[in-house]
C-alpha atoms as a PDB file:
ATOM      1  CA  MET A   1     -32.992 -12.477  -4.223  1.00  0.00           C
ATOM      2  CA  MET A   2     -33.683  -8.880  -5.142  1.00  0.00           C
ATOM      3  CA  ASP A   3     -29.969  -7.989  -4.940  1.00  0.00           C
ATOM      4  CA  ARG A   4     -29.006 -10.847  -7.245  1.00  0.00           C
ATOM      5  CA  THR A   5     -31.697  -9.902  -9.769  1.00  0.00           C
ATOM      6  CA  HIS A   6     -30.547  -6.298  -9.691  1.00  0.00           C
ATOM      7  CA  HIS A   7     -26.919  -7.405 -10.131  1.00  0.00           C
ATOM      8  CA  ASP A   8     -27.800  -9.631 -13.099  1.00  0.00           C
ATOM      9  CA  THR A   9     -29.785  -6.796 -14.692  1.00  0.00           C
ATOM     10  CA  LEU A  10     -26.837  -4.434 -14.351  1.00  0.00           C
ATOM     11  CA  SER A  11     -24.414  -6.936 -15.864  1.00  0.00           C
ATOM     12  CA  LYS A  12     -26.624  -7.410 -18.903  1.00  0.00           C
ATOM     13  CA  GLN A  13     -27.160  -3.727 -19.680  1.00  0.00           C
ATOM     14  CA  PRO A  14     -24.738  -2.283 -22.228  1.00  0.00           C
ATOM     15  CA  GLY A  15     -22.365   0.308 -20.859  1.00  0.00           C
ATOM     16  CA  THR A  16     -22.891  -0.696 -17.211  1.00  0.00           C
ATOM     17  CA  LYS A  17     -20.925  -2.861 -14.823  1.00  0.00           C
ATOM     18  CA  PRO A  18     -21.316  -4.200 -11.295  1.00  0.00           C
ATOM     19  CA  PRO A  19     -20.542  -1.595  -8.605  1.00  0.00           C
ATOM     20  CA  GLY A  20     -16.858  -1.054  -7.972  1.00  0.00           C
ATOM     21  CA  VAL A  21     -15.646  -3.572 -10.566  1.00  0.00           C
ATOM     22  CA  PRO A  22     -13.601  -2.088 -13.441  1.00  0.00           C
ATOM     23  CA  SER A  23     -14.985  -2.758 -16.917  1.00  0.00           C
ATOM     24  CA  THR A  24     -11.550  -3.660 -18.279  1.00  0.00           C
ATOM     25  CA  PHE A  25      -8.067  -4.329 -16.999  1.00  0.00           C
ATOM     26  CA  SER A  26      -6.880  -1.169 -18.765  1.00  0.00           C
ATOM     27  CA  ASP A  27      -9.143   1.036 -16.599  1.00  0.00           C
ATOM     28  CA  ASP A  28      -6.834   0.608 -13.625  1.00  0.00           C
ATOM     29  CA  MET A  29      -3.570   0.259 -15.540  1.00  0.00           C
ATOM     30  CA  LEU A  30      -3.935   3.721 -17.088  1.00  0.00           C
ATOM     31  CA  TRP A  31      -3.796   5.184 -13.582  1.00  0.00           C
ATOM     32  CA  LEU A  32      -1.154   2.801 -12.287  1.00  0.00           C
ATOM     33  CA  LEU A  33       1.181   3.663 -15.170  1.00  0.00           C
ATOM     34  CA  LEU A  34       1.359   7.197 -13.794  1.00  0.00           C
ATOM     35  CA  LEU A  35       2.226   5.799 -10.369  1.00  0.00           C
ATOM     36  CA  GLY A  36       4.908   3.601 -11.943  1.00  0.00           C
ATOM     37  CA  PHE A  37       6.555   6.615 -13.578  1.00  0.00           C
ATOM     38  CA  ALA A  38       6.377   8.486 -10.271  1.00  0.00           C
ATOM     39  CA  LEU A  39       8.088   5.548  -8.540  1.00  0.00           C
ATOM     40  CA  LEU A  40      10.897   5.564 -11.099  1.00  0.00           C
ATOM     41  CA  GLY A  41      11.338   9.322 -10.698  1.00  0.00           C
ATOM     42  CA  LEU A  42      11.467   9.056  -6.908  1.00  0.00           C
ATOM     43  CA  TYR A  43      13.969   6.206  -7.028  1.00  0.00           C
ATOM     44  CA  ARG A  44      16.221   8.088  -9.467  1.00  0.00           C
ATOM     45  CA  PHE A  45      15.957  11.704  -8.304  1.00  0.00           C
ATOM     46  CA  GLY A  46      14.391  11.590  -4.833  1.00  0.00           C
ATOM     47  CA  ARG A  47      17.611  12.357  -2.951  1.00  0.00           C
ATOM     48  CA  LEU A  48      18.055  15.536  -5.022  1.00  0.00           C
ATOM     49  CA  LEU A  49      14.739  17.084  -3.964  1.00  0.00           C
ATOM     50  CA  PRO A  50      14.757  20.213  -1.763  1.00  0.00           C
ATOM     51  CA  ASP A  51      12.760  20.450   1.447  1.00  0.00           C
ATOM     52  CA  THR A  52       9.704  22.006  -0.242  1.00  0.00           C
ATOM     53  CA  ALA A  53       9.513  19.272  -2.877  1.00  0.00           C
ATOM     54  CA  VAL A  54       9.887  16.593  -0.203  1.00  0.00           C
ATOM     55  CA  LEU A  55       6.983  18.133   1.732  1.00  0.00           C
ATOM     56  CA  VAL A  56       4.792  18.186  -1.394  1.00  0.00           C
ATOM     57  CA  LEU A  57       5.739  14.580  -2.132  1.00  0.00           C
ATOM     58  CA  TRP A  58       4.894  13.488   1.408  1.00  0.00           C
ATOM     59  CA  LEU A  59       1.536  15.307   1.371  1.00  0.00           C
ATOM     60  CA  THR A  60       0.615  13.845  -2.008  1.00  0.00           C
ATOM     61  CA  THR A  61       1.530  10.327  -0.916  1.00  0.00           C
ATOM     62  CA  THR A  62      -0.414  10.795   2.320  1.00  0.00           C
ATOM     63  CA  VAL A  63      -3.521  11.881   0.407  1.00  0.00           C
ATOM     64  CA  LEU A  64      -3.332   8.884  -1.933  1.00  0.00           C
ATOM     65  CA  ILE A  65      -2.899   6.358   0.880  1.00  0.00           C
ATOM     66  CA  ALA A  66      -5.625   7.981   2.996  1.00  0.00           C
ATOM     67  CA  LEU A  67      -7.936   7.997  -0.011  1.00  0.00           C
ATOM     68  CA  GLY A  68      -7.479   4.269  -0.518  1.00  0.00           C
ATOM     69  CA  HIS A  69      -8.095   3.540   3.184  1.00  0.00           C
ATOM     70  CA  PHE A  70     -11.113   5.823   3.467  1.00  0.00           C
ATOM     71  CA  LEU A  71     -12.970   4.797   0.315  1.00  0.00           C
ATOM     72  CA  ARG A  72     -12.578   1.114   1.127  1.00  0.00           C
ATOM     73  CA  LEU A  73     -13.891   1.854   4.622  1.00  0.00           C
ATOM     74  CA  ARG A  74     -17.003   3.411   3.109  1.00  0.00           C
ATOM     75  CA  ILE A  75     -17.509   0.403   0.847  1.00  0.00           C
ATOM     76  CA  ARG A  76     -17.557  -1.815   3.943  1.00  0.00           C
ATOM     77  CA  ARG A  77     -19.794   0.575   5.853  1.00  0.00           C
ATOM     78  CA  GLN A  78     -22.239   0.834   2.961  1.00  0.00           C
ATOM     79  CA  ALA A  79     -22.506  -2.949   2.714  1.00  0.00           C
ATOM     80  CA  TRP A  80     -23.098  -3.231   6.481  1.00  0.00           C
ATOM     81  CA  LEU A  81     -25.678  -0.433   6.508  1.00  0.00           C
ATOM     82  CA  HIS A  82     -27.529  -1.943   3.568  1.00  0.00           C
ATOM     83  CA  ALA A  83     -27.783  -5.271   5.397  1.00  0.00           C
ATOM     84  CA  TYR A  84     -28.660  -4.112   8.914  1.00  0.00           C
ATOM     85  CA  VAL A  85     -29.955  -0.507   8.916  1.00  0.00           C
ATOM     86  CA  ALA A  86     -33.207   0.762   7.434  1.00  0.00           C
ATOM     87  CA  PRO A  87     -32.726   3.210   4.531  1.00  0.00           C
ATOM     88  CA  SER A  88     -34.795   5.875   6.331  1.00  0.00           C
ATOM     89  CA  SER A  89     -32.798   5.644   9.569  1.00  0.00           C
ATOM     90  CA  ALA A  90     -30.596   8.533  10.678  1.00  0.00           C
ATOM     91  CA  LEU A  91     -27.892   5.949  11.380  1.00  0.00           C
ATOM     92  CA  GLN A  92     -27.289   5.783   7.640  1.00  0.00           C
ATOM     93  CA  GLN A  93     -25.807   9.267   7.850  1.00  0.00           C
ATOM     94  CA  TRP A  94     -23.955   8.798  11.144  1.00  0.00           C
ATOM     95  CA  LEU A  95     -22.341   5.435  10.471  1.00  0.00           C
ATOM     96  CA  ARG A  96     -21.342   5.650   6.815  1.00  0.00           C
ATOM     97  CA  GLY A  97     -17.944   7.171   7.656  1.00  0.00           C
ATOM     98  CA  GLY A  98     -17.222  10.878   7.939  1.00  0.00           C
ATOM     99  CA  LEU A  99     -14.616  13.370   9.096  1.00  0.00           C
ATOM    100  CA  VAL A 100     -13.491  11.390  12.156  1.00  0.00           C
ATOM    101  CA  ALA A 101     -12.870   8.267  10.082  1.00  0.00           C
ATOM    102  CA  LEU A 102     -11.093  10.345   7.451  1.00  0.00           C
ATOM    103  CA  LEU A 103      -8.878  11.993  10.083  1.00  0.00           C
ATOM    104  CA  ILE A 104      -7.854   8.648  11.589  1.00  0.00           C
ATOM    105  CA  ARG A 105      -7.010   7.235   8.146  1.00  0.00           C
ATOM    106  CA  THR A 106      -5.061  10.379   7.280  1.00  0.00           C
ATOM    107  CA  LEU A 107      -2.894  10.059  10.401  1.00  0.00           C
ATOM    108  CA  MET A 108      -2.185   6.428   9.549  1.00  0.00           C
ATOM    109  CA  ALA A 109      -1.474   7.386   5.955  1.00  0.00           C
ATOM    110  CA  ALA A 110       1.014  10.072   7.030  1.00  0.00           C
ATOM    111  CA  ALA A 111       3.160   7.447   8.774  1.00  0.00           C
ATOM    112  CA  LEU A 112       2.854   4.996   5.883  1.00  0.00           C
ATOM    113  CA  ALA A 113       3.832   7.735   3.431  1.00  0.00           C
ATOM    114  CA  VAL A 114       7.117   8.242   5.297  1.00  0.00           C
ATOM    115  CA  ALA A 115       7.786   4.497   5.201  1.00  0.00           C
ATOM    116  CA  LEU A 116       7.030   4.366   1.468  1.00  0.00           C
ATOM    117  CA  ILE A 117       9.245   7.318   0.528  1.00  0.00           C
ATOM    118  CA  ILE A 118      12.182   6.240   2.678  1.00  0.00           C
ATOM    119  CA  GLY A 119      11.844   2.619   1.611  1.00  0.00           C
ATOM    120  CA  THR A 120      11.835   3.564  -2.062  1.00  0.00           C
ATOM    121  CA  LEU A 121      14.941   5.715  -1.718  1.00  0.00           C
ATOM    122  CA  ARG A 122      16.745   2.883   0.103  1.00  0.00           C
ATOM    123  CA  LEU A 123      15.990   0.171  -2.437  1.00  0.00           C
ATOM    124  CA  THR A 124      19.256  -1.673  -2.942  1.00  0.00           C
ATOM    125  CA  GLY A 125      19.015  -2.526  -6.629  1.00  0.00           C
ATOM    126  CA  PRO A 126      16.936  -2.791  -9.792  1.00  0.00           C
ATOM    127  CA  GLY A 127      15.572  -6.172  -8.719  1.00  0.00           C
ATOM    128  CA  GLU A 128      13.498  -4.675  -5.908  1.00  0.00           C
ATOM    129  CA  LEU A 129      12.363  -1.826  -8.161  1.00  0.00           C
ATOM    130  CA  LEU A 130      11.231  -4.291 -10.814  1.00  0.00           C
ATOM    131  CA  LEU A 131       9.253  -6.199  -8.182  1.00  0.00           C
ATOM    132  CA  LEU A 132       7.346  -3.050  -7.271  1.00  0.00           C
ATOM    133  CA  LEU A 133       6.657  -2.234 -10.923  1.00  0.00           C
ATOM    134  CA  ALA A 134       5.524  -5.803 -11.594  1.00  0.00           C
ATOM    135  CA  SER A 135       3.074  -5.560  -8.697  1.00  0.00           C
ATOM    136  CA  LEU A 136       1.100  -2.880 -10.572  1.00  0.00           C
ATOM    137  CA  PRO A 137      -0.333  -5.128 -13.310  1.00  0.00           C
ATOM    138  CA  LEU A 138      -0.530  -7.971 -10.806  1.00  0.00           C
ATOM    139  CA  LEU A 139      -2.739  -5.969  -8.434  1.00  0.00           C
ATOM    140  CA  ALA A 140      -4.923  -4.637 -11.242  1.00  0.00           C
ATOM    141  CA  GLY A 141      -5.294  -8.079 -12.805  1.00  0.00           C
ATOM    142  CA  LEU A 142      -6.113  -9.794  -9.521  1.00  0.00           C
ATOM    143  CA  ARG A 143      -8.677  -7.158  -8.642  1.00  0.00           C
ATOM    144  CA  TRP A 144     -10.352  -7.413 -12.022  1.00  0.00           C
ATOM    145  CA  GLY A 145     -10.278 -11.211 -11.973  1.00  0.00           C
ATOM    146  CA  ALA A 146     -11.550 -11.426  -8.393  1.00  0.00           C
ATOM    147  CA  GLY A 147     -14.386  -9.050  -9.170  1.00  0.00           C
ATOM    148  CA  ARG A 148     -15.486 -11.147 -12.124  1.00  0.00           C
ATOM    149  CA  SER A 149     -15.080 -14.474 -10.308  1.00  0.00           C
ATOM    150  CA  LEU A 150     -16.893 -13.397  -7.146  1.00  0.00           C
ATOM    151  CA  ALA A 151     -19.720 -11.535  -8.892  1.00  0.00           C
ATOM    152  CA  ARG A 152     -22.011 -14.591  -8.834  1.00  0.00           C
ATOM    153  CA  HIS A 153     -21.309 -15.382  -5.186  1.00  0.00           C
ATOM    154  CA  ILE A 154     -20.987 -12.058  -3.337  1.00  0.00           C
ATOM    155  CA  SER A 155     -23.592  -9.373  -2.746  1.00  0.00           C
ATOM    156  CA  PRO A 156     -23.128  -6.418  -5.135  1.00  0.00           C
ATOM    157  CA  HIS A 157     -22.777  -4.135  -2.118  1.00  0.00           C
ATOM    158  CA  TYR A 158     -19.802  -6.082  -0.739  1.00  0.00           C
ATOM    159  CA  LEU A 159     -18.331  -7.203  -4.056  1.00  0.00           C
ATOM    160  CA  PRO A 160     -15.879  -4.268  -4.415  1.00  0.00           C
ATOM    161  CA  GLU A 161     -14.336  -4.848  -0.969  1.00  0.00           C
ATOM    162  CA  SER A 162     -14.181  -8.611  -1.507  1.00  0.00           C
ATOM    163  CA  ALA A 163     -12.302  -8.098  -4.771  1.00  0.00           C
ATOM    164  CA  TRP A 164      -9.938  -5.662  -3.070  1.00  0.00           C
ATOM    165  CA  ARG A 165      -9.202  -8.060  -0.203  1.00  0.00           C
ATOM    166  CA  VAL A 166      -8.355 -10.942  -2.515  1.00  0.00           C
ATOM    167  CA  ALA A 167      -6.174  -8.782  -4.771  1.00  0.00           C
ATOM    168  CA  ILE A 168      -4.324  -7.003  -1.956  1.00  0.00           C
ATOM    169  CA  ALA A 169      -3.728 -10.160   0.089  1.00  0.00           C
ATOM    170  CA  LEU A 170      -2.282 -12.139  -2.820  1.00  0.00           C
ATOM    171  CA  THR A 171      -0.150  -9.232  -4.053  1.00  0.00           C
ATOM    172  CA  PHE A 172       1.075  -8.577  -0.500  1.00  0.00           C
ATOM    173  CA  VAL A 173       2.233 -12.169  -0.031  1.00  0.00           C
ATOM    174  CA  ILE A 174       3.941 -12.336  -3.432  1.00  0.00           C
ATOM    175  CA  LEU A 175       5.674  -8.974  -3.035  1.00  0.00           C
ATOM    176  CA  CYS A 176       6.845  -9.637   0.538  1.00  0.00           C
ATOM    177  CA  THR A 177       8.167 -13.041  -0.484  1.00  0.00           C
ATOM    178  CA  GLY A 178      10.102 -11.523  -3.374  1.00  0.00           C
ATOM    179  CA  LEU A 179      11.631  -8.772  -1.223  1.00  0.00           C
ATOM    180  CA  LEU A 180      12.564 -11.209   1.549  1.00  0.00           C
ATOM    181  CA  ALA A 181      14.158 -13.573  -0.968  1.00  0.00           C
ATOM    182  CA  GLN A 182      16.318 -10.757  -2.306  1.00  0.00           C
ATOM    183  CA  SER A 183      17.279  -9.741   1.244  1.00  0.00           C
ATOM    184  CA  TRP A 184      18.260 -13.331   2.025  1.00  0.00           C
ATOM    185  CA  TRP A 185      20.691 -13.604  -0.882  1.00  0.00           C
ATOM    186  CA  ARG A 186      21.990 -10.034  -0.833  1.00  0.00           C
ATOM    187  CA  PRO A 187      25.449  -9.683   0.773  1.00  0.00           C
ATOM    188  CA  GLY A 188      25.697  -7.204   3.613  1.00  0.00           C
ATOM    189  CA  PRO A 189      28.341  -5.426   5.689  1.00  0.00           C
ATOM    190  CA  ASP A 190      30.417  -7.436   8.141  1.00  0.00           C
ATOM    191  CA  PHE A 191      29.588  -6.286  11.670  1.00  0.00           C
ATOM    192  CA  THR A 192      30.908  -9.315  13.543  1.00  0.00           C
ATOM    193  CA  ALA A 193      33.829  -7.364  15.037  1.00  0.00           C
ATOM    194  CA  VAL A 194      32.045  -4.099  15.938  1.00  0.00           C
ATOM    195  CA  SER A 195      29.604  -3.009  18.606  1.00  0.00           C
ATOM    196  CA  LEU A 196      25.903  -2.358  18.069  1.00  0.00           C
ATOM    197  CA  ASP A 197      26.232   1.427  18.127  1.00  0.00           C
ATOM    198  CA  GLN A 198      29.145   1.321  15.673  1.00  0.00           C
ATOM    199  CA  ALA A 199      27.080  -0.747  13.245  1.00  0.00           C
ATOM    200  CA  ALA A 200      24.164   1.683  13.513  1.00  0.00           C
ATOM    201  CA  TRP A 201      26.341   4.774  13.008  1.00  0.00           C
ATOM    202  CA  TYR A 202      28.190   3.218  10.078  1.00  0.00           C
ATOM    203  CA  LEU A 203      25.088   2.843   7.901  1.00  0.00           C
ATOM    204  CA  ALA A 204      23.498   6.051   9.193  1.00  0.00           C
ATOM    205  CA  LEU A 205      26.473   8.151   8.080  1.00  0.00           C
ATOM    206  CA  GLU A 206      26.387   6.619   4.603  1.00  0.00           C
ATOM    207  CA  GLU A 207      23.027   8.265   3.832  1.00  0.00           C
ATOM    208  CA  SER A 208      22.877  11.614   2.053  1.00  0.00           C
ATOM    209  CA  ALA A 209      20.203  13.841   0.500  1.00  0.00           C
ATOM    210  CA  GLU A 210      19.747  17.430  -0.638  1.00  0.00           C
ATOM    211  CA  SER A 211      16.945  17.926   1.888  1.00  0.00           C
ATOM    212  CA  ALA A 212      18.093  18.068   5.511  1.00  0.00           C
ATOM    213  CA  VAL A 213      14.823  16.552   6.732  1.00  0.00           C
ATOM    214  CA  LEU A 214      15.035  13.719   4.248  1.00  0.00           C
ATOM    215  CA  GLU A 215      18.680  13.074   5.111  1.00  0.00           C
ATOM    216  CA  ARG A 216      17.821  12.713   8.804  1.00  0.00           C
ATOM    217  CA  ALA A 217      15.007  10.300   8.017  1.00  0.00           C
ATOM    218  CA  LEU A 218      17.305   8.252   5.798  1.00  0.00           C
ATOM    219  CA  ALA A 219      19.952   8.227   8.536  1.00  0.00           C
ATOM    220  CA  VAL A 220      17.435   6.831  11.028  1.00  0.00           C
ATOM    221  CA  ALA A 221      16.464   4.129   8.522  1.00  0.00           C
ATOM    222  CA  GLY A 222      20.146   3.369   7.942  1.00  0.00           C
ATOM    223  CA  ALA A 223      20.776   3.043  11.675  1.00  0.00           C
ATOM    224  CA  MET A 224      17.881   0.594  11.969  1.00  0.00           C
ATOM    225  CA  GLU A 225      19.336  -1.391   9.085  1.00  0.00           C
ATOM    226  CA  GLY A 226      22.676  -1.500  10.901  1.00  0.00           C
ATOM    227  CA  VAL A 227      20.974  -2.824  14.030  1.00  0.00           C
ATOM    228  CA  ARG A 228      19.259  -5.505  11.977  1.00  0.00           C
ATOM    229  CA  TRP A 229      22.512  -6.676  10.364  1.00  0.00           C
ATOM    230  CA  TRP A 230      24.302  -6.670  13.737  1.00  0.00           C
ATOM    231  CA  LEU A 231      21.578  -8.753  15.388  1.00  0.00           C
ATOM    232  CA  ALA A 232      21.532 -11.301  12.573  1.00  0.00           C
ATOM    233  CA  GLN A 233      25.319 -11.677  12.428  1.00  0.00           C
ATOM    234  CA  HIS A 234      25.822 -11.882  16.174  1.00  0.00           C
ATOM    235  CA  GLY A 235      23.064 -14.439  16.458  1.00  0.00           C
ATOM    236  CA  LEU A 236      25.085 -16.663  14.142  1.00  0.00           C
ATOM    237  CA  ALA A 237      28.417 -15.977  15.796  1.00  0.00           C
ATOM    238  CA  ARG A 238      27.290 -16.403  19.404  1.00  0.00           C
ATOM    239  CA  LEU A 239      25.560 -19.689  19.975  1.00  0.00           C
ATOM    240  CA  GLN A 240      24.449 -18.566  23.413  1.00  0.00           C
ATOM    241  CA  TRP A 241      22.261 -15.912  21.714  1.00  0.00           C
ATOM    242  CA  PRO A 242      20.594 -17.840  18.881  1.00  0.00           C
ATOM    243  CA  SER A 243      17.433 -15.766  19.190  1.00  0.00           C
ATOM    244  CA  LEU A 244      19.269 -12.684  17.902  1.00  0.00           C
ATOM    245  CA  GLU A 245      19.358 -14.078  14.374  1.00  0.00           C
ATOM    246  CA  LEU A 246      15.611 -14.680  14.485  1.00  0.00           C
ATOM    247  CA  LEU A 247      15.039 -11.169  15.821  1.00  0.00           C
ATOM    248  CA  GLY A 248      17.108  -9.725  12.988  1.00  0.00           C
ATOM    249  CA  TRP A 249      15.022 -11.476  10.348  1.00  0.00           C
ATOM    250  CA  LEU A 250      11.794 -10.524  12.127  1.00  0.00           C
ATOM    251  CA  LEU A 251      12.881  -6.903  11.736  1.00  0.00           C
ATOM    252  CA  VAL A 252      13.403  -7.528   8.017  1.00  0.00           C
ATOM    253  CA  LEU A 253       9.928  -9.055   7.778  1.00  0.00           C
ATOM    254  CA  LEU A 254       8.373  -6.131   9.650  1.00  0.00           C
ATOM    255  CA  LYS A 255      10.141  -3.572   7.480  1.00  0.00           C
ATOM    256  CA  SER A 256       9.073  -5.333   4.291  1.00  0.00           C
ATOM    257  CA  ALA A 257       5.481  -5.713   5.507  1.00  0.00           C
ATOM    258  CA  VAL A 258       5.128  -2.014   6.372  1.00  0.00           C
ATOM    259  CA  PHE A 259       6.733  -0.921   3.102  1.00  0.00           C
ATOM    260  CA  VAL A 260       4.612  -3.259   0.961  1.00  0.00           C
ATOM    261  CA  SER A 261       1.452  -2.259   2.819  1.00  0.00           C
ATOM    262  CA  ALA A 262       2.186   1.429   2.189  1.00  0.00           C
ATOM    263  CA  TRP A 263       2.899   0.754  -1.489  1.00  0.00           C
ATOM    264  CA  LEU A 264      -0.276  -1.268  -2.051  1.00  0.00           C
ATOM    265  CA  HIS A 265      -2.502   1.254  -0.288  1.00  0.00           C
ATOM    266  CA  CYS A 266      -0.968   3.988  -2.424  1.00  0.00           C
ATOM    267  CA  CYS A 267      -1.886   1.884  -5.469  1.00  0.00           C
ATOM    268  CA  VAL A 268      -5.425   1.494  -4.139  1.00  0.00           C
ATOM    269  CA  GLY A 269      -5.727   5.249  -3.681  1.00  0.00           C
ATOM    270  CA  VAL A 270      -4.626   5.856  -7.262  1.00  0.00           C
ATOM    271  CA  MET A 271      -7.041   3.226  -8.613  1.00  0.00           C
ATOM    272  CA  LEU A 272      -9.963   4.674  -6.632  1.00  0.00           C
ATOM    273  CA  MET A 273      -9.359   8.307  -7.609  1.00  0.00           C
ATOM    274  CA  ARG A 274     -11.718   7.932 -10.552  1.00  0.00           C
ATOM    275  CA  THR A 275     -14.660   7.299  -8.194  1.00  0.00           C
ATOM    276  CA  LEU A 276     -14.411  10.904  -6.980  1.00  0.00           C
ATOM    277  CA  TRP A 277     -15.794  12.292 -10.230  1.00  0.00           C
ATOM    278  CA  GLU A 278     -17.651   9.359 -11.791  1.00  0.00           C
ATOM    279  CA  THR A 279     -21.071  10.721 -10.866  1.00  0.00           C
ATOM    280  CA  SER A 280     -22.767  10.292 -14.225  1.00  0.00           C
ATOM    281  CA  ASP A 281     -23.071   6.505 -13.797  1.00  0.00           C
ATOM    282  CA  ALA A 282     -24.348   5.678 -10.290  1.00  0.00           C
ATOM    283  CA  ALA A 283     -23.600   1.978 -10.759  1.00  0.00           C
ATOM    284  CA  SER A 284     -19.895   2.624 -11.184  1.00  0.00           C
ATOM    285  CA  ASP A 285     -19.557   4.575  -7.918  1.00  0.00           C
ATOM    286  CA  PRO A 286     -20.561   2.486  -4.895  1.00  0.00           C
ATOM    287  CA  ILE A 287     -19.615   5.234  -2.446  1.00  0.00           C
ATOM    288  CA  PRO A 288     -21.493   8.516  -2.823  1.00  0.00           C
ATOM    289  CA  LEU A 289     -19.268  11.202  -1.330  1.00  0.00           C
ATOM    290  CA  GLU A 290     -21.794  13.984  -1.003  1.00  0.00           C
END
């Protein structure tokens, strides 16, 4: 009862908003526009980057993804601590999420950053790029709408994470469906008359980049793509191995899911960057970082 009264009081005060919910749709879009331009630049010029620039790009992407993971973790921890742990307890300090949690999320983010960079450079056409750009206003709009819709039903301490879950889940499904639909209709190489290793080497050798490290990573991704095409085509051609076609499309689904997850968590990191310095209004920052 007290939480609801406090939430209603905040929503009625001018210049304040419920914790973690953006005041307007444009709050998030201003940040996501920068990410959209970065995506276009990577898609257009990423293969021309030298090793040093690739390293900086990977580190920056890792930080953004880790930031999104870590700050959402602390939102969940804060809600749990508020419900179950006394404010004066030392567990408030120990369980809110610290260096260990940040390290784990950073390691996960490092792998997702590789998947995001390689996946962006291997986009096969403007259709997939437009899907990613369209997901920016979609994610921001769903988060804003979910925050407003759930404000009367969810505790203010868990409202930010609830809005994030709704927005990310819906955007994830829509984006994966769009990418899979384009993969379904996109023509591919004919590997019906070659062996598995020949199919893998064929697409691996087609990749090129200014950076030697990036070129090797792209070659590995190309080889995996060749394996996927070979499995799908040989599943159709050999009736005694019908499961190969299913395995090929499961690999497509897995690749799309990892890529979309990396992209959305990068978006989350960009949208949550403002909470790192919004200390003047305590209601707008649900996760004190001190």
